[in-house]
Amino acid sequence: MRQGRRTEYEIYWEILSFCRSGKTFTQIIGRCDLNSKNGQEYLDFLSEKGYILRSNEGERNLYKTTGKAGEFLDLFARLYQELFDRGPEFKL
């Protein structure tokens, strides 16, 4: 069984999985257990790769996983399953 700190890839997977429906920055950092600085760095990276899109809904900025991220999510889940005999899960 895997224990210890999450890798960057696990954090990317958590963010992208959580943002399949639009989420606010506060929701993302709270649910994915990140501080604001690290959370912004992860979101900026995923945005640059085209895996997450920021949009405005009224006064709220929402982040949503794009279709392009689907391949990463599928590959990561399969690799994780192969290595650890279980799929990735949110740390809670």
Foldseek 3Di string as FASTA:
>chain_A
DDDDDDDLLLLLLLQQVVQQPWDALVVSCVQQVHDSVVSVVSLVVCVVVVQWDWDDDPPTITIHGDPVCVVSNVVQQVVCCVVPVHGRDRDD
